[in-house]
Amino acid sequence: MKRKDNKVLITIDAFEDGLLVLILSTMILLAVYQIISRNLFSQGVVWIDPLLRTLVLWVGLAGAVVATRTDNHIRIDIFTKYFPEKFLPHIARTVHFFTLSVCLLIAWHASRFVYSEYVYGTIAFSGVPAWLTAIIIPLSFLLIAIRYGVLLFSPQVIKSNTSVTRTSKKQP
């Protein structure tokens, strides 16, 4: 099954793209408003700065989820350069399994952190609970783990631009 034929994946992709656009647009508008408010009127909104810091976290982790959409996340490709091409699919699956495991571990511990923030009732800013601002951490790592689970068991669903193929570059 190709990615462009799967309506569920297309819907998820559109939601992720829309979320990124919404977060980034909100960040830009709030930052511009805060700058104008401070410079022209000598006052600003107290909760905008902590919200912008939170939105930076959200846009970064949402961007990481989007980067895994086509397996274009950060990687070290030492194996693809020095191993024979017949081993590359096995190496890719091993890397996907390792990434899946690490992301699940991070998601588990991040969810424990979010739960503790909920239990203790920590406030992030302006009455907003801290657990609500941190919920993106376990959620994003869980989504990344799901993507790598799909890659591990069904690599043809997510077409990769960089994995398992070796580019031939002539060295000068």
N, C-alpha and C. Protein backbone atom coordinates (compact mmCIF):
# COMPACT_ATOMS: atom_id res chain seq x y z
N MET A 1 0.84 -1.17 0.00
CA MET A 1 0.00 0.00 0.00
C MET A 1 0.88 1.24 0.00
N LYS A 2 0.55 2.14 -0.88
CA LYS A 2 1.31 3.38 -0.95
C LYS A 2 0.69 4.41 -0.03
N ARG A 3 1.52 5.31 0.40
CA ARG A 3 1.11 6.35 1.35
C ARG A 3 0.01 7.22 0.76
N LYS A 4 0.10 7.55 -0.50
CA LYS A 4 -0.89 8.44 -1.11
C LYS A 4 -2.25 7.79 -1.27
N ASP A 5 -2.32 6.45 -1.16
CA ASP A 5 -3.59 5.73 -1.27
C ASP A 5 -4.26 5.49 0.07
N ASN A 6 -3.57 5.75 1.17
CA ASN A 6 -4.10 5.49 2.49
C ASN A 6 -4.73 6.77 3.05
N LYS A 7 -6.06 6.79 3.13
CA LYS A 7 -6.77 8.00 3.56
C LYS A 7 -6.54 8.31 5.03
N VAL A 8 -6.33 7.28 5.84
CA VAL A 8 -6.07 7.51 7.26
C VAL A 8 -4.74 8.24 7.43
N LEU A 9 -3.70 7.78 6.73
CA LEU A 9 -2.40 8.44 6.82
C LEU A 9 -2.45 9.86 6.27
N ILE A 10 -3.21 10.06 5.22
CA ILE A 10 -3.35 11.40 4.64
C ILE A 10 -4.03 12.34 5.64
N THR A 11 -5.05 11.83 6.34
CA THR A 11 -5.76 12.63 7.33
C THR A 11 -4.84 12.96 8.51
N ILE A 12 -4.07 11.97 8.98
CA ILE A 12 -3.14 12.20 10.09
C ILE A 12 -2.09 13.23 9.68
N ASP A 13 -1.56 13.09 8.46
CA ASP A 13 -0.57 14.03 7.97
C ASP A 13 -1.13 15.46 7.90
N ALA A 14 -2.36 15.58 7.41
CA ALA A 14 -2.99 16.91 7.32
C ALA A 14 -3.20 17.50 8.72
N PHE A 15 -3.59 16.67 9.69
CA PHE A 15 -3.76 17.15 11.06
C PHE A 15 -2.43 17.63 11.63
N GLU A 16 -1.37 16.84 11.43
CA GLU A 16 -0.05 17.22 11.94
C GLU A 16 0.42 18.52 11.31
N ASP A 17 0.25 18.64 9.99
CA ASP A 17 0.66 19.87 9.31
C ASP A 17 -0.14 21.06 9.81
N GLY A 18 -1.44 20.87 9.98
CA GLY A 18 -2.29 21.94 10.48
C GLY A 18 -1.91 22.36 11.89
N LEU A 19 -1.59 21.38 12.74
CA LEU A 19 -1.17 21.68 14.10
C LEU A 19 0.13 22.49 14.10
N LEU A 20 1.08 22.10 13.27
CA LEU A 20 2.34 22.85 13.18
C LEU A 20 2.10 24.28 12.71
N VAL A 21 1.26 24.44 11.69
CA VAL A 21 0.97 25.78 11.18
C VAL A 21 0.28 26.61 12.25
N LEU A 22 -0.66 26.01 12.97
CA LEU A 22 -1.37 26.73 14.02
C LEU A 22 -0.43 27.16 15.14
N ILE A 23 0.42 26.25 15.59
CA ILE A 23 1.35 26.58 16.68
C ILE A 23 2.33 27.67 16.24
N LEU A 24 2.91 27.50 15.07
CA LEU A 24 3.89 28.47 14.59
C LEU A 24 3.24 29.84 14.34
N SER A 25 2.06 29.85 13.77
CA SER A 25 1.35 31.12 13.55
C SER A 25 1.03 31.81 14.87
N THR A 26 0.58 31.02 15.84
CA THR A 26 0.29 31.57 17.17
C THR A 26 1.55 32.16 17.80
N MET A 27 2.66 31.44 17.67
CA MET A 27 3.92 31.94 18.22
C MET A 27 4.30 33.28 17.58
N ILE A 28 4.20 33.35 16.28
CA ILE A 28 4.58 34.57 15.57
C ILE A 28 3.68 35.73 15.98
N LEU A 29 2.37 35.50 15.98
CA LEU A 29 1.44 36.57 16.34
C LEU A 29 1.63 37.05 17.77
N LEU A 30 1.78 36.11 18.70
CA LEU A 30 1.97 36.51 20.10
C LEU A 30 3.29 37.24 20.31
N ALA A 31 4.35 36.77 19.65
CA ALA A 31 5.65 37.43 19.79
C ALA A 31 5.61 38.85 19.22
N VAL A 32 4.99 39.01 18.06
CA VAL A 32 4.88 40.34 17.45
C VAL A 32 4.03 41.26 18.34
N TYR A 33 2.92 40.73 18.85
CA TYR A 33 2.09 41.53 19.74
C TYR A 33 2.85 41.95 20.98
N GLN A 34 3.59 41.02 21.57
CA GLN A 34 4.34 41.32 22.79
C GLN A 34 5.42 42.38 22.52
N ILE A 35 6.10 42.28 21.40
CA ILE A 35 7.14 43.26 21.05
C ILE A 35 6.53 44.65 20.85
N ILE A 36 5.44 44.70 20.09
CA ILE A 36 4.78 45.99 19.85
C ILE A 36 4.24 46.57 21.15
N SER A 37 3.62 45.71 21.95
CA SER A 37 3.05 46.16 23.23
C SER A 37 4.12 46.71 24.16
N ARG A 38 5.26 46.06 24.21
CA ARG A 38 6.33 46.53 25.10
C ARG A 38 7.00 47.80 24.58
N ASN A 39 7.26 47.82 23.28
CA ASN A 39 8.00 48.97 22.73
C ASN A 39 7.15 50.22 22.54
N LEU A 40 5.89 50.06 22.17
CA LEU A 40 5.06 51.23 21.92
C LEU A 40 4.26 51.68 23.14
N PHE A 41 3.84 50.73 23.95
CA PHE A 41 2.97 51.07 25.07
C PHE A 41 3.62 50.83 26.43
N SER A 42 4.86 50.39 26.43
CA SER A 42 5.63 50.14 27.65
C SER A 42 4.95 49.17 28.61
N GLN A 43 4.24 48.25 28.06
CA GLN A 43 3.64 47.20 28.87
C GLN A 43 3.45 45.96 28.01
N GLY A 44 3.40 44.83 28.63
CA GLY A 44 3.21 43.58 27.90
C GLY A 44 2.26 42.68 28.68
N VAL A 45 1.93 41.58 28.08
CA VAL A 45 1.07 40.61 28.74
C VAL A 45 1.98 39.62 29.46
N VAL A 46 1.73 39.42 30.73
CA VAL A 46 2.61 38.63 31.58
C VAL A 46 2.72 37.18 31.13
N TRP A 47 1.63 36.60 30.67
CA TRP A 47 1.62 35.16 30.37
C TRP A 47 2.11 34.82 28.97
N ILE A 48 2.38 35.80 28.12
CA ILE A 48 2.80 35.49 26.75
C ILE A 48 4.19 34.85 26.71
N ASP A 49 5.15 35.35 27.48
CA ASP A 49 6.50 34.79 27.45
C ASP A 49 6.55 33.32 27.87
N PRO A 50 5.92 32.93 28.98
CA PRO A 50 5.93 31.50 29.31
C PRO A 50 5.14 30.66 28.30
N LEU A 51 4.09 31.23 27.73
CA LEU A 51 3.34 30.50 26.70
C LEU A 51 4.21 30.29 25.46
N LEU A 52 4.98 31.30 25.08
CA LEU A 52 5.87 31.16 23.93
C LEU A 52 6.94 30.10 24.18
N ARG A 53 7.47 30.03 25.39
CA ARG A 53 8.44 28.97 25.71
C ARG A 53 7.79 27.60 25.60
N THR A 54 6.56 27.49 26.05
CA THR A 54 5.83 26.23 25.94
C THR A 54 5.57 25.88 24.47
N LEU A 55 5.20 26.87 23.69
CA LEU A 55 4.92 26.63 22.27
C LEU A 55 6.18 26.25 21.50
N VAL A 56 7.34 26.73 21.92
CA VAL A 56 8.59 26.29 21.31
C VAL A 56 8.78 24.79 21.52
N LEU A 57 8.51 24.33 22.73
CA LEU A 57 8.57 22.90 23.01
C LEU A 57 7.58 22.14 22.14
N TRP A 58 6.36 22.64 22.06
CA TRP A 58 5.33 21.97 21.28
C TRP A 58 5.68 21.92 19.79
N VAL A 59 6.16 23.03 19.24
CA VAL A 59 6.48 23.04 17.81
C VAL A 59 7.69 22.15 17.51
N GLY A 60 8.65 22.11 18.43
CA GLY A 60 9.82 21.24 18.23
C GLY A 60 9.45 19.77 18.25
N LEU A 61 8.65 19.37 19.22
CA LEU A 61 8.27 17.96 19.30
C LEU A 61 7.28 17.57 18.21
N ALA A 62 6.37 18.47 17.86
CA ALA A 62 5.46 18.19 16.74
C ALA A 62 6.25 18.09 15.44
N GLY A 63 7.27 18.91 15.30
CA GLY A 63 8.15 18.82 14.12
C GLY A 63 8.92 17.51 14.09
N ALA A 64 9.31 17.00 15.25
CA ALA A 64 9.98 15.70 15.30
C ALA A 64 9.05 14.59 14.85
N VAL A 65 7.79 14.68 15.23
CA VAL A 65 6.81 13.68 14.79
C VAL A 65 6.66 13.75 13.27
N VAL A 66 6.57 14.95 12.73
CA VAL A 66 6.43 15.11 11.28
C VAL A 66 7.67 14.61 10.57
N ALA A 67 8.85 14.81 11.15
CA ALA A 67 10.09 14.34 10.53
C ALA A 67 10.12 12.82 10.43
N THR A 68 9.45 12.14 11.33
CA THR A 68 9.42 10.67 11.26
C THR A 68 8.41 10.17 10.25
N ARG A 69 7.61 11.07 9.71
CA ARG A 69 6.58 10.68 8.73
C ARG A 69 7.18 9.90 7.57
N THR A 70 8.29 10.36 7.07
CA THR A 70 8.95 9.68 5.95
C THR A 70 10.32 9.14 6.35
N ASP A 71 10.49 8.89 7.63
CA ASP A 71 11.76 8.36 8.16
C ASP A 71 12.92 9.30 7.85
N ASN A 72 12.67 10.60 7.96
CA ASN A 72 13.71 11.60 7.70
C ASN A 72 14.21 12.24 8.98
N HIS A 73 14.13 11.50 10.05
CA HIS A 73 14.59 12.02 11.33
C HIS A 73 16.12 11.98 11.36
N ILE A 74 16.70 12.64 12.33
CA ILE A 74 18.16 12.68 12.44
C ILE A 74 18.71 11.26 12.58
N ARG A 75 19.80 11.00 11.93
CA ARG A 75 20.38 9.67 11.96
C ARG A 75 21.88 9.74 11.68
N ILE A 76 22.55 8.70 12.07
CA ILE A 76 23.97 8.54 11.76
C ILE A 76 24.07 7.36 10.81
N ASP A 77 24.48 7.62 9.59
CA ASP A 77 24.46 6.60 8.54
C ASP A 77 25.80 5.93 8.31
N ILE A 78 26.47 5.58 9.36
CA ILE A 78 27.77 4.92 9.20
C ILE A 78 27.60 3.52 8.61
N PHE A 79 26.50 2.85 8.97
CA PHE A 79 26.27 1.49 8.49
C PHE A 79 26.01 1.46 6.99
N THR A 80 25.28 2.43 6.48
CA THR A 80 24.95 2.43 5.06
C THR A 80 26.17 2.68 4.18
N LYS A 81 27.20 3.24 4.77
CA LYS A 81 28.39 3.54 3.99
C LYS A 81 29.36 2.36 3.91
N TYR A 82 29.44 1.56 5.00
CA TYR A 82 30.49 0.55 5.08
C TYR A 82 29.99 -0.89 4.98
N PHE A 83 28.70 -1.12 5.07
CA PHE A 83 28.20 -2.49 5.00
C PHE A 83 27.68 -2.80 3.61
N PRO A 84 27.72 -4.06 3.21
CA PRO A 84 27.16 -4.44 1.91
C PRO A 84 25.66 -4.13 1.84
N GLU A 85 25.17 -3.86 0.65
CA GLU A 85 23.78 -3.44 0.47
C GLU A 85 22.77 -4.51 0.88
N LYS A 86 23.15 -5.76 0.83
CA LYS A 86 22.21 -6.82 1.20
C LYS A 86 21.90 -6.81 2.70
N PHE A 87 22.76 -6.20 3.53
CA PHE A 87 22.52 -6.13 4.97
C PHE A 87 21.72 -4.89 5.38
N LEU A 88 21.58 -3.94 4.47
CA LEU A 88 20.95 -2.66 4.82
C LEU A 88 19.51 -2.79 5.31
N PRO A 89 18.65 -3.64 4.72
CA PRO A 89 17.30 -3.78 5.27
C PRO A 89 17.30 -4.31 6.71
N HIS A 90 18.21 -5.22 7.02
CA HIS A 90 18.29 -5.76 8.37
C HIS A 90 18.82 -4.71 9.36
N ILE A 91 19.77 -3.94 8.91
CA ILE A 91 20.30 -2.86 9.74
C ILE A 91 19.21 -1.81 9.99
N ALA A 92 18.46 -1.48 8.94
CA ALA A 92 17.38 -0.49 9.08
C ALA A 92 16.34 -0.98 10.09
N ARG A 93 15.98 -2.25 10.02
CA ARG A 93 14.99 -2.79 10.98
C ARG A 93 15.55 -2.80 12.40
N THR A 94 16.82 -3.07 12.55
CA THR A 94 17.43 -3.04 13.88
C THR A 94 17.41 -1.62 14.44
N VAL A 95 17.73 -0.66 13.60
CA VAL A 95 17.69 0.75 14.01
C VAL A 95 16.27 1.16 14.35
N HIS A 96 15.31 0.72 13.54
CA HIS A 96 13.91 1.06 13.81
C HIS A 96 13.45 0.44 15.14
N PHE A 97 13.86 -0.78 15.41
CA PHE A 97 13.50 -1.42 16.67
C PHE A 97 14.12 -0.67 17.86
N PHE A 98 15.38 -0.30 17.72
CA PHE A 98 16.05 0.45 18.79
C PHE A 98 15.37 1.79 19.03
N THR A 99 15.06 2.49 17.94
CA THR A 99 14.39 3.79 18.05
C THR A 99 13.02 3.64 18.69
N LEU A 100 12.29 2.61 18.27
CA LEU A 100 10.98 2.33 18.85
C LEU A 100 11.10 2.10 20.36
N SER A 101 12.08 1.31 20.76
CA SER A 101 12.27 1.00 22.18
C SER A 101 12.61 2.25 23.00
N VAL A 102 13.53 3.05 22.49
CA VAL A 102 13.94 4.26 23.20
C VAL A 102 12.77 5.25 23.30
N CYS A 103 12.02 5.40 22.22
CA CYS A 103 10.88 6.33 22.24
C CYS A 103 9.79 5.87 23.21
N LEU A 104 9.55 4.56 23.27
CA LEU A 104 8.58 4.04 24.23
C LEU A 104 9.05 4.26 25.67
N LEU A 105 10.34 4.07 25.89
CA LEU A 105 10.89 4.32 27.23
C LEU A 105 10.74 5.79 27.62
N ILE A 106 11.07 6.68 26.71
CA ILE A 106 10.93 8.11 26.99
C ILE A 106 9.46 8.47 27.20
N ALA A 107 8.58 7.92 26.36
CA ALA A 107 7.14 8.20 26.51
C ALA A 107 6.62 7.72 27.86
N TRP A 108 7.09 6.56 28.31
CA TRP A 108 6.66 6.03 29.61
C TRP A 108 7.08 6.95 30.75
N HIS A 109 8.34 7.32 30.76
CA HIS A 109 8.83 8.16 31.85
C HIS A 109 8.27 9.59 31.75
N ALA A 110 8.08 10.07 30.55
CA ALA A 110 7.47 11.40 30.40
C ALA A 110 6.01 11.38 30.88
N SER A 111 5.31 10.28 30.64
CA SER A 111 3.94 10.20 31.13
C SER A 111 3.91 10.14 32.66
N ARG A 112 4.90 9.50 33.26
CA ARG A 112 5.01 9.50 34.72
C ARG A 112 5.25 10.93 35.23
N PHE A 113 6.09 11.67 34.53
CA PHE A 113 6.34 13.07 34.89
C PHE A 113 5.06 13.89 34.78
N VAL A 114 4.33 13.73 33.68
CA VAL A 114 3.09 14.48 33.48
C VAL A 114 2.08 14.13 34.57
N TYR A 115 2.01 12.85 34.92
CA TYR A 115 1.10 12.43 35.98
C TYR A 115 1.48 13.06 37.33
N SER A 116 2.76 13.12 37.61
CA SER A 116 3.19 13.74 38.87
C SER A 116 2.86 15.23 38.88
N GLU A 117 2.99 15.88 37.74
CA GLU A 117 2.60 17.29 37.65
C GLU A 117 1.10 17.45 37.90
N TYR A 118 0.33 16.49 37.42
CA TYR A 118 -1.12 16.51 37.63
C TYR A 118 -1.45 16.31 39.11
N VAL A 119 -0.82 15.31 39.71
CA VAL A 119 -1.09 14.99 41.11
C VAL A 119 -0.72 16.15 42.03
N TYR A 120 0.42 16.77 41.79
CA TYR A 120 0.87 17.86 42.66
C TYR A 120 0.21 19.20 42.33
N GLY A 121 -0.50 19.25 41.21
CA GLY A 121 -1.22 20.47 40.86
C GLY A 121 -0.34 21.65 40.52
N THR A 122 0.81 21.39 39.94
CA THR A 122 1.74 22.46 39.58
C THR A 122 1.11 23.37 38.52
N ILE A 123 1.30 24.65 38.69
CA ILE A 123 0.79 25.64 37.74
C ILE A 123 1.95 26.14 36.89
N ALA A 124 1.78 26.11 35.57
CA ALA A 124 2.83 26.57 34.66
C ALA A 124 2.84 28.09 34.57
N PHE A 125 1.71 28.67 34.24
CA PHE A 125 1.59 30.12 34.14
C PHE A 125 0.11 30.48 34.06
N SER A 126 -0.24 31.59 34.61
CA SER A 126 -1.58 32.17 34.48
C SER A 126 -2.71 31.15 34.73
N GLY A 127 -2.53 30.28 35.70
CA GLY A 127 -3.55 29.31 36.04
C GLY A 127 -3.60 28.07 35.18
N VAL A 128 -2.72 27.97 34.19
CA VAL A 128 -2.68 26.79 33.31
C VAL A 128 -1.87 25.70 34.01
N PRO A 129 -2.44 24.51 34.15
CA PRO A 129 -1.72 23.44 34.82
C PRO A 129 -0.47 23.02 34.03
N ALA A 130 0.59 22.70 34.75
CA ALA A 130 1.85 22.32 34.10
C ALA A 130 1.71 21.01 33.33
N TRP A 131 0.86 20.11 33.81
CA TRP A 131 0.70 18.84 33.10
C TRP A 131 0.14 19.06 31.70
N LEU A 132 -0.68 20.08 31.54
CA LEU A 132 -1.27 20.36 30.24
C LEU A 132 -0.22 20.87 29.25
N THR A 133 0.73 21.64 29.74
CA THR A 133 1.79 22.14 28.86
C THR A 133 2.81 21.05 28.53
N ALA A 134 2.95 20.06 29.42
CA ALA A 134 3.95 19.00 29.22
C ALA A 134 3.39 17.76 28.56
N ILE A 135 2.11 17.72 28.28
CA ILE A 135 1.49 16.52 27.72
C ILE A 135 2.06 16.20 26.33
N ILE A 136 2.62 17.18 25.66
CA ILE A 136 3.20 16.96 24.33
C ILE A 136 4.40 16.01 24.39
N ILE A 137 5.10 15.96 25.49
CA ILE A 137 6.31 15.13 25.57
C ILE A 137 5.99 13.65 25.44
N PRO A 138 5.13 13.07 26.31
CA PRO A 138 4.83 11.65 26.11
C PRO A 138 4.05 11.39 24.84
N LEU A 139 3.17 12.32 24.48
CA LEU A 139 2.37 12.13 23.27
C LEU A 139 3.23 12.07 22.02
N SER A 140 4.18 13.00 21.90
CA SER A 140 5.01 13.02 20.70
C SER A 140 5.93 11.80 20.62
N PHE A 141 6.50 11.39 21.75
CA PHE A 141 7.37 10.22 21.71
C PHE A 141 6.57 8.94 21.46
N LEU A 142 5.32 8.91 21.91
CA LEU A 142 4.47 7.77 21.60
C LEU A 142 4.15 7.73 20.10
N LEU A 143 3.87 8.89 19.52
CA LEU A 143 3.60 8.94 18.08
C LEU A 143 4.83 8.57 17.26
N ILE A 144 5.99 9.01 17.70
CA ILE A 144 7.22 8.64 17.01
C ILE A 144 7.43 7.13 17.12
N ALA A 145 7.17 6.55 18.29
CA ALA A 145 7.30 5.11 18.47
C ALA A 145 6.33 4.36 17.56
N ILE A 146 5.12 4.87 17.43
CA ILE A 146 4.15 4.22 16.53
C ILE A 146 4.64 4.28 15.10
N ARG A 147 5.17 5.43 14.70
CA ARG A 147 5.70 5.53 13.33
C ARG A 147 6.83 4.53 13.09
N TYR A 148 7.72 4.40 14.05
CA TYR A 148 8.82 3.46 13.87
C TYR A 148 8.35 2.02 14.00
N GLY A 149 7.26 1.79 14.72
CA GLY A 149 6.65 0.46 14.73
C GLY A 149 6.10 0.10 13.36
N VAL A 150 5.47 1.08 12.71
CA VAL A 150 4.99 0.86 11.34
C VAL A 150 6.16 0.59 10.41
N LEU A 151 7.23 1.35 10.56
CA LEU A 151 8.43 1.13 9.74
C LEU A 151 9.03 -0.25 9.99
N LEU A 152 9.01 -0.69 11.23
CA LEU A 152 9.60 -1.98 11.59
C LEU A 152 8.82 -3.14 10.97
N PHE A 153 7.49 -3.06 11.04
CA PHE A 153 6.69 -4.19 10.59
C PHE A 153 6.14 -4.03 9.18
N SER A 154 6.09 -2.83 8.67
CA SER A 154 5.54 -2.60 7.34
C SER A 154 6.26 -1.42 6.69
N PRO A 155 7.53 -1.59 6.33
CA PRO A 155 8.30 -0.44 5.84
C PRO A 155 7.80 0.15 4.53
N GLN A 156 6.99 -0.59 3.78
CA GLN A 156 6.52 -0.06 2.51
C GLN A 156 5.43 1.01 2.68
N VAL A 157 4.82 1.10 3.88
CA VAL A 157 3.78 2.10 4.11
C VAL A 157 4.37 3.49 4.16
N ILE A 158 5.51 3.64 4.79
CA ILE A 158 6.17 4.93 4.87
C ILE A 158 7.36 4.91 3.92
N LYS A 159 7.20 5.60 2.82
CA LYS A 159 8.26 5.63 1.83
C LYS A 159 9.42 6.46 2.36
N SER A 160 10.60 5.90 2.35
CA SER A 160 11.77 6.59 2.89
C SER A 160 12.60 7.15 1.76
N ASN A 161 13.06 8.34 1.97
CA ASN A 161 13.96 8.94 0.99
C ASN A 161 15.41 8.57 1.24
N THR A 162 15.71 8.15 2.48
CA THR A 162 17.12 7.97 2.81
C THR A 162 17.46 6.58 3.32
N SER A 163 16.49 5.82 3.79
CA SER A 163 16.85 4.55 4.41
C SER A 163 16.99 3.45 3.37
N VAL A 164 17.86 2.55 3.61
CA VAL A 164 18.11 1.31 2.88
C VAL A 164 18.58 1.55 1.45
N THR A 165 18.83 2.74 1.05
CA THR A 165 19.36 2.98 -0.27
C THR A 165 20.68 3.71 -0.12
N ARG A 166 21.59 3.33 -0.96
CA ARG A 166 22.91 3.94 -0.91
C ARG A 166 23.06 4.84 -2.12
N THR A 167 23.52 6.04 -1.89
CA THR A 167 23.77 6.94 -3.01
C THR A 167 25.22 6.80 -3.43
N SER A 168 25.42 6.85 -4.71
CA SER A 168 26.80 6.71 -5.20
C SER A 168 27.36 8.09 -5.46
N LYS A 169 28.26 8.48 -4.63
CA LYS A 169 28.93 9.77 -4.78
C LYS A 169 30.39 9.50 -5.11
N LYS A 170 30.86 10.21 -6.08
CA LYS A 170 32.26 10.08 -6.45
C LYS A 170 33.09 10.99 -5.55
N GLN A 171 34.07 10.41 -4.93
CA GLN A 171 34.96 11.18 -4.07
C GLN A 171 36.00 11.89 -4.94
N PRO A 172 36.28 13.17 -4.66
CA PRO A 172 37.27 13.90 -5.49
C PRO A 172 38.67 13.40 -5.22
